[in-house]
Every structure is written in C-alpha cells, then in structure tokens.
Amino acid sequence: MNKNTRRARAIAIAQAKPDNKLVAVRYFVISASALAAVAALLLARWF
C-alpha cells in the first residue's frame, strides 16, 4: 500500500465518518423547526 492509496483511504474514511452525526443533526433541526411551527400555530390560535 503506497502513500496515495493510504491517503485516498484516509480521505474516504474522513468523509464517511461524520455522515451519522450530520444525519442526526439534520433530523434534530428538522424536528425542532416542526415543533416550532406547531407551537406557533397553537399560540396563534390561543391568542
């Protein structure tokens, strides 16, 4: 395994690793915005 293949593998691992965290953060942001929208609708109805 020469330097280029090792570097390519390291880059591939580095790119693949944060995917799970990124997906979790994205789902959290989507759910938080949905919650905020529902809360805004409920508040608009009550007041």
PDB file of N, CA and C in Angstrom:
ATOM      1  N   MET A   1       0.859  -1.197   0.000  1.00  0.00           N
ATOM      2  CA  MET A   1       0.000   0.000   0.000  1.00  0.00           C
ATOM      3  C   MET A   1       0.891   1.241   0.000  1.00  0.00           C
ATOM      4  N   ASN A   2       0.852   1.994  -1.086  1.00  0.00           N
ATOM      5  CA  ASN A   2       1.716   3.168  -1.150  1.00  0.00           C
ATOM      6  C   ASN A   2       1.024   4.391  -0.543  1.00  0.00           C
ATOM      7  N   LYS A   3       1.710   5.502  -0.626  1.00  0.00           N
ATOM      8  CA  LYS A   3       1.225   6.709   0.053  1.00  0.00           C
ATOM      9  C   LYS A   3      -0.120   7.196  -0.496  1.00  0.00           C
ATOM     10  N   ASN A   4      -0.289   7.120  -1.829  1.00  0.00           N
ATOM     11  CA  ASN A   4      -1.513   7.644  -2.432  1.00  0.00           C
ATOM     12  C   ASN A   4      -2.741   6.844  -2.028  1.00  0.00           C
ATOM     13  N   THR A   5      -2.626   5.510  -2.022  1.00  0.00           N
ATOM     14  CA  THR A   5      -3.798   4.705  -1.650  1.00  0.00           C
ATOM     15  C   THR A   5      -4.135   4.905  -0.181  1.00  0.00           C
ATOM     16  N   ARG A   6      -3.109   5.037   0.651  1.00  0.00           N
ATOM     17  CA  ARG A   6      -3.339   5.276   2.082  1.00  0.00           C
ATOM     18  C   ARG A   6      -4.027   6.616   2.286  1.00  0.00           C
ATOM     19  N   ARG A   7      -3.569   7.624   1.530  1.00  0.00           N
ATOM     20  CA  ARG A   7      -4.160   8.957   1.632  1.00  0.00           C
ATOM     21  C   ARG A   7      -5.606   8.944   1.130  1.00  0.00           C
ATOM     22  N   ALA A   8      -5.849   8.242   0.026  1.00  0.00           N
ATOM     23  CA  ALA A   8      -7.206   8.157  -0.518  1.00  0.00           C
ATOM     24  C   ALA A   8      -8.129   7.460   0.470  1.00  0.00           C
ATOM     25  N   ARG A   9      -7.630   6.399   1.112  1.00  0.00           N
ATOM     26  CA  ARG A   9      -8.450   5.684   2.096  1.00  0.00           C
ATOM     27  C   ARG A   9      -8.733   6.569   3.303  1.00  0.00           C
ATOM     28  N   ALA A  10      -7.729   7.311   3.754  1.00  0.00           N
ATOM     29  CA  ALA A  10      -7.916   8.208   4.897  1.00  0.00           C
ATOM     30  C   ALA A  10      -8.946   9.290   4.565  1.00  0.00           C
ATOM     31  N   ILE A  11      -8.875   9.812   3.350  1.00  0.00           N
ATOM     32  CA  ILE A  11      -9.836  10.839   2.935  1.00  0.00           C
ATOM     33  C   ILE A  11     -11.237  10.249   2.877  1.00  0.00           C
ATOM     34  N   ALA A  12     -11.354   9.028   2.348  1.00  0.00           N
ATOM     35  CA  ALA A  12     -12.664   8.369   2.251  1.00  0.00           C
ATOM     36  C   ALA A  12     -13.245   8.129   3.637  1.00  0.00           C
ATOM     37  N   ILE A  13     -12.415   7.681   4.579  1.00  0.00           N
ATOM     38  CA  ILE A  13     -12.879   7.442   5.945  1.00  0.00           C
ATOM     39  C   ILE A  13     -13.292   8.761   6.589  1.00  0.00           C
ATOM     40  N   ALA A  14     -12.485   9.794   6.388  1.00  0.00           N
ATOM     41  CA  ALA A  14     -12.789  11.097   6.979  1.00  0.00           C
ATOM     42  C   ALA A  14     -14.096  11.661   6.425  1.00  0.00           C
ATOM     43  N   GLN A  15     -14.377  11.398   5.146  1.00  0.00           N
ATOM     44  CA  GLN A  15     -15.611  11.893   4.553  1.00  0.00           C
ATOM     45  C   GLN A  15     -16.811  11.068   4.993  1.00  0.00           C
ATOM     46  N   ALA A  16     -16.603   9.780   5.238  1.00  0.00           N
ATOM     47  CA  ALA A  16     -17.722   8.896   5.573  1.00  0.00           C
ATOM     48  C   ALA A  16     -18.089   8.984   7.052  1.00  0.00           C
ATOM     49  N   LYS A  17     -17.122   9.271   7.901  1.00  0.00           N
ATOM     50  CA  LYS A  17     -17.379   9.237   9.345  1.00  0.00           C
ATOM     51  C   LYS A  17     -18.409  10.252   9.840  1.00  0.00           C
ATOM     52  N   PRO A  18     -18.333  11.549   9.476  1.00  0.00           N
ATOM     53  CA  PRO A  18     -19.282  12.499  10.061  1.00  0.00           C
ATOM     54  C   PRO A  18     -20.708  12.357   9.532  1.00  0.00           C
ATOM     55  N   ASP A  19     -20.933  11.426   8.588  1.00  0.00           N
ATOM     56  CA  ASP A  19     -22.262  11.278   7.997  1.00  0.00           C
ATOM     57  C   ASP A  19     -23.327  10.994   9.050  1.00  0.00           C
ATOM     58  N   ASN A  20     -23.046  10.065   9.980  1.00  0.00           N
ATOM     59  CA  ASN A  20     -24.036   9.718  11.002  1.00  0.00           C
ATOM     60  C   ASN A  20     -24.375  10.926  11.865  1.00  0.00           C
ATOM     61  N   LYS A  21     -23.329  11.658  12.252  1.00  0.00           N
ATOM     62  CA  LYS A  21     -23.548  12.843  13.081  1.00  0.00           C
ATOM     63  C   LYS A  21     -24.316  13.897  12.298  1.00  0.00           C
ATOM     64  N   LEU A  22     -23.971  14.049  11.017  1.00  0.00           N
ATOM     65  CA  LEU A  22     -24.633  15.034  10.173  1.00  0.00           C
ATOM     66  C   LEU A  22     -26.111  14.699  10.013  1.00  0.00           C
ATOM     67  N   VAL A  23     -26.414  13.432   9.804  1.00  0.00           N
ATOM     68  CA  VAL A  23     -27.809  12.995   9.661  1.00  0.00           C
ATOM     69  C   VAL A  23     -28.570  13.236  10.956  1.00  0.00           C
ATOM     70  N   ALA A  24     -27.939  12.942  12.089  1.00  0.00           N
ATOM     71  CA  ALA A  24     -28.585  13.156  13.387  1.00  0.00           C
ATOM     72  C   ALA A  24     -28.860  14.641  13.603  1.00  0.00           C
ATOM     73  N   VAL A  25     -27.901  15.485  13.284  1.00  0.00           N
ATOM     74  CA  VAL A  25     -28.087  16.937  13.442  1.00  0.00           C
ATOM     75  C   VAL A  25     -29.186  17.434  12.516  1.00  0.00           C
ATOM     76  N   ARG A  26     -29.207  16.903  11.276  1.00  0.00           N
ATOM     77  CA  ARG A  26     -30.232  17.324  10.322  1.00  0.00           C
ATOM     78  C   ARG A  26     -31.627  16.948  10.795  1.00  0.00           C
ATOM     79  N   TYR A  27     -31.761  15.700  11.296  1.00  0.00           N
ATOM     80  CA  TYR A  27     -33.064  15.277  11.819  1.00  0.00           C
ATOM     81  C   TYR A  27     -33.468  16.122  13.026  1.00  0.00           C
ATOM     82  N   PHE A  28     -32.490  16.445  13.882  1.00  0.00           N
ATOM     83  CA  PHE A  28     -32.785  17.273  15.058  1.00  0.00           C
ATOM     84  C   PHE A  28     -33.270  18.656  14.638  1.00  0.00           C
ATOM     85  N   VAL A  29     -32.614  19.245  13.640  1.00  0.00           N
ATOM     86  CA  VAL A  29     -33.005  20.581  13.168  1.00  0.00           C
ATOM     87  C   VAL A  29     -34.398  20.536  12.548  1.00  0.00           C
ATOM     88  N   ILE A  30     -34.669  19.491  11.761  1.00  0.00           N
ATOM     89  CA  ILE A  30     -35.988  19.372  11.130  1.00  0.00           C
ATOM     90  C   ILE A  30     -37.072  19.211  12.188  1.00  0.00           C
ATOM     91  N   SER A  31     -36.809  18.361  13.188  1.00  0.00           N
ATOM     92  CA  SER A  31     -37.822  18.145  14.226  1.00  0.00           C
ATOM     93  C   SER A  31     -38.013  19.408  15.072  1.00  0.00           C
ATOM     94  N   ALA A  32     -36.934  20.126  15.333  1.00  0.00           N
ATOM     95  CA  ALA A  32     -37.042  21.357  16.112  1.00  0.00           C
ATOM     96  C   ALA A  32     -37.846  22.413  15.358  1.00  0.00           C
ATOM     97  N   SER A  33     -37.621  22.516  14.049  1.00  0.00           N
ATOM     98  CA  SER A  33     -38.368  23.501  13.269  1.00  0.00           C
ATOM     99  C   SER A  33     -39.829  23.099  13.159  1.00  0.00           C
ATOM    100  N   ALA A  34     -40.109  21.809  13.040  1.00  0.00           N
ATOM    101  CA  ALA A  34     -41.503  21.340  13.001  1.00  0.00           C
ATOM    102  C   ALA A  34     -42.193  21.643  14.326  1.00  0.00           C
ATOM    103  N   LEU A  35     -41.482  21.405  15.426  1.00  0.00           N
ATOM    104  CA  LEU A  35     -42.030  21.701  16.752  1.00  0.00           C
ATOM    105  C   LEU A  35     -42.311  23.193  16.894  1.00  0.00           C
ATOM    106  N   ALA A  36     -41.394  24.022  16.411  1.00  0.00           N
ATOM    107  CA  ALA A  36     -41.588  25.471  16.482  1.00  0.00           C
ATOM    108  C   ALA A  36     -42.798  25.901  15.652  1.00  0.00           C
ATOM    109  N   ALA A  37     -42.981  25.285  14.491  1.00  0.00           N
ATOM    110  CA  ALA A  37     -44.127  25.621  13.641  1.00  0.00           C
ATOM    111  C   ALA A  37     -45.434  25.247  14.320  1.00  0.00           C
ATOM    112  N   VAL A  38     -45.477  24.061  14.920  1.00  0.00           N
ATOM    113  CA  VAL A  38     -46.688  23.622  15.627  1.00  0.00           C
ATOM    114  C   VAL A  38     -46.961  24.538  16.812  1.00  0.00           C
ATOM    115  N   ALA A  39     -45.918  24.888  17.563  1.00  0.00           N
ATOM    116  CA  ALA A  39     -46.082  25.776  18.712  1.00  0.00           C
ATOM    117  C   ALA A  39     -46.586  27.145  18.258  1.00  0.00           C
ATOM    118  N   ALA A  40     -46.074  27.640  17.136  1.00  0.00           N
ATOM    119  CA  ALA A  40     -46.517  28.942  16.617  1.00  0.00           C
ATOM    120  C   ALA A  40     -47.996  28.882  16.222  1.00  0.00           C
ATOM    121  N   LEU A  41     -48.396  27.781  15.588  1.00  0.00           N
ATOM    122  CA  LEU A  41     -49.810  27.631  15.212  1.00  0.00           C
ATOM    123  C   LEU A  41     -50.713  27.585  16.452  1.00  0.00           C
ATOM    124  N   LEU A  42     -50.287  26.841  17.451  1.00  0.00           N
ATOM    125  CA  LEU A  42     -51.094  26.742  18.680  1.00  0.00           C
ATOM    126  C   LEU A  42     -51.176  28.088  19.387  1.00  0.00           C
ATOM    127  N   LEU A  43     -50.054  28.791  19.463  1.00  0.00           N
ATOM    128  CA  LEU A  43     -50.060  30.106  20.106  1.00  0.00           C
ATOM    129  C   LEU A  43     -50.928  31.090  19.325  1.00  0.00           C
ATOM    130  N   ALA A  44     -50.892  31.004  17.996  1.00  0.00           N
ATOM    131  CA  ALA A  44     -51.699  31.904  17.167  1.00  0.00           C
ATOM    132  C   ALA A  44     -53.188  31.620  17.394  1.00  0.00           C
ATOM    133  N   ARG A  45     -53.529  30.374  17.643  1.00  0.00           N
ATOM    134  CA  ARG A  45     -54.916  30.038  17.871  1.00  0.00           C
ATOM    135  C   ARG A  45     -55.410  30.509  19.223  1.00  0.00           C
ATOM    136  N   TRP A  46     -54.529  30.390  20.240  1.00  0.00           N
ATOM    137  CA  TRP A  46     -54.954  30.733  21.604  1.00  0.00           C
ATOM    138  C   TRP A  46     -55.003  32.228  21.848  1.00  0.00           C
ATOM    139  N   PHE A  47     -54.101  32.989  21.201  1.00  0.00           N
ATOM    140  CA  PHE A  47     -54.015  34.428  21.485  1.00  0.00           C
ATOM    141  C   PHE A  47     -54.547  35.272  20.351  1.00  0.00           C
TER     142      PHE A  47
END
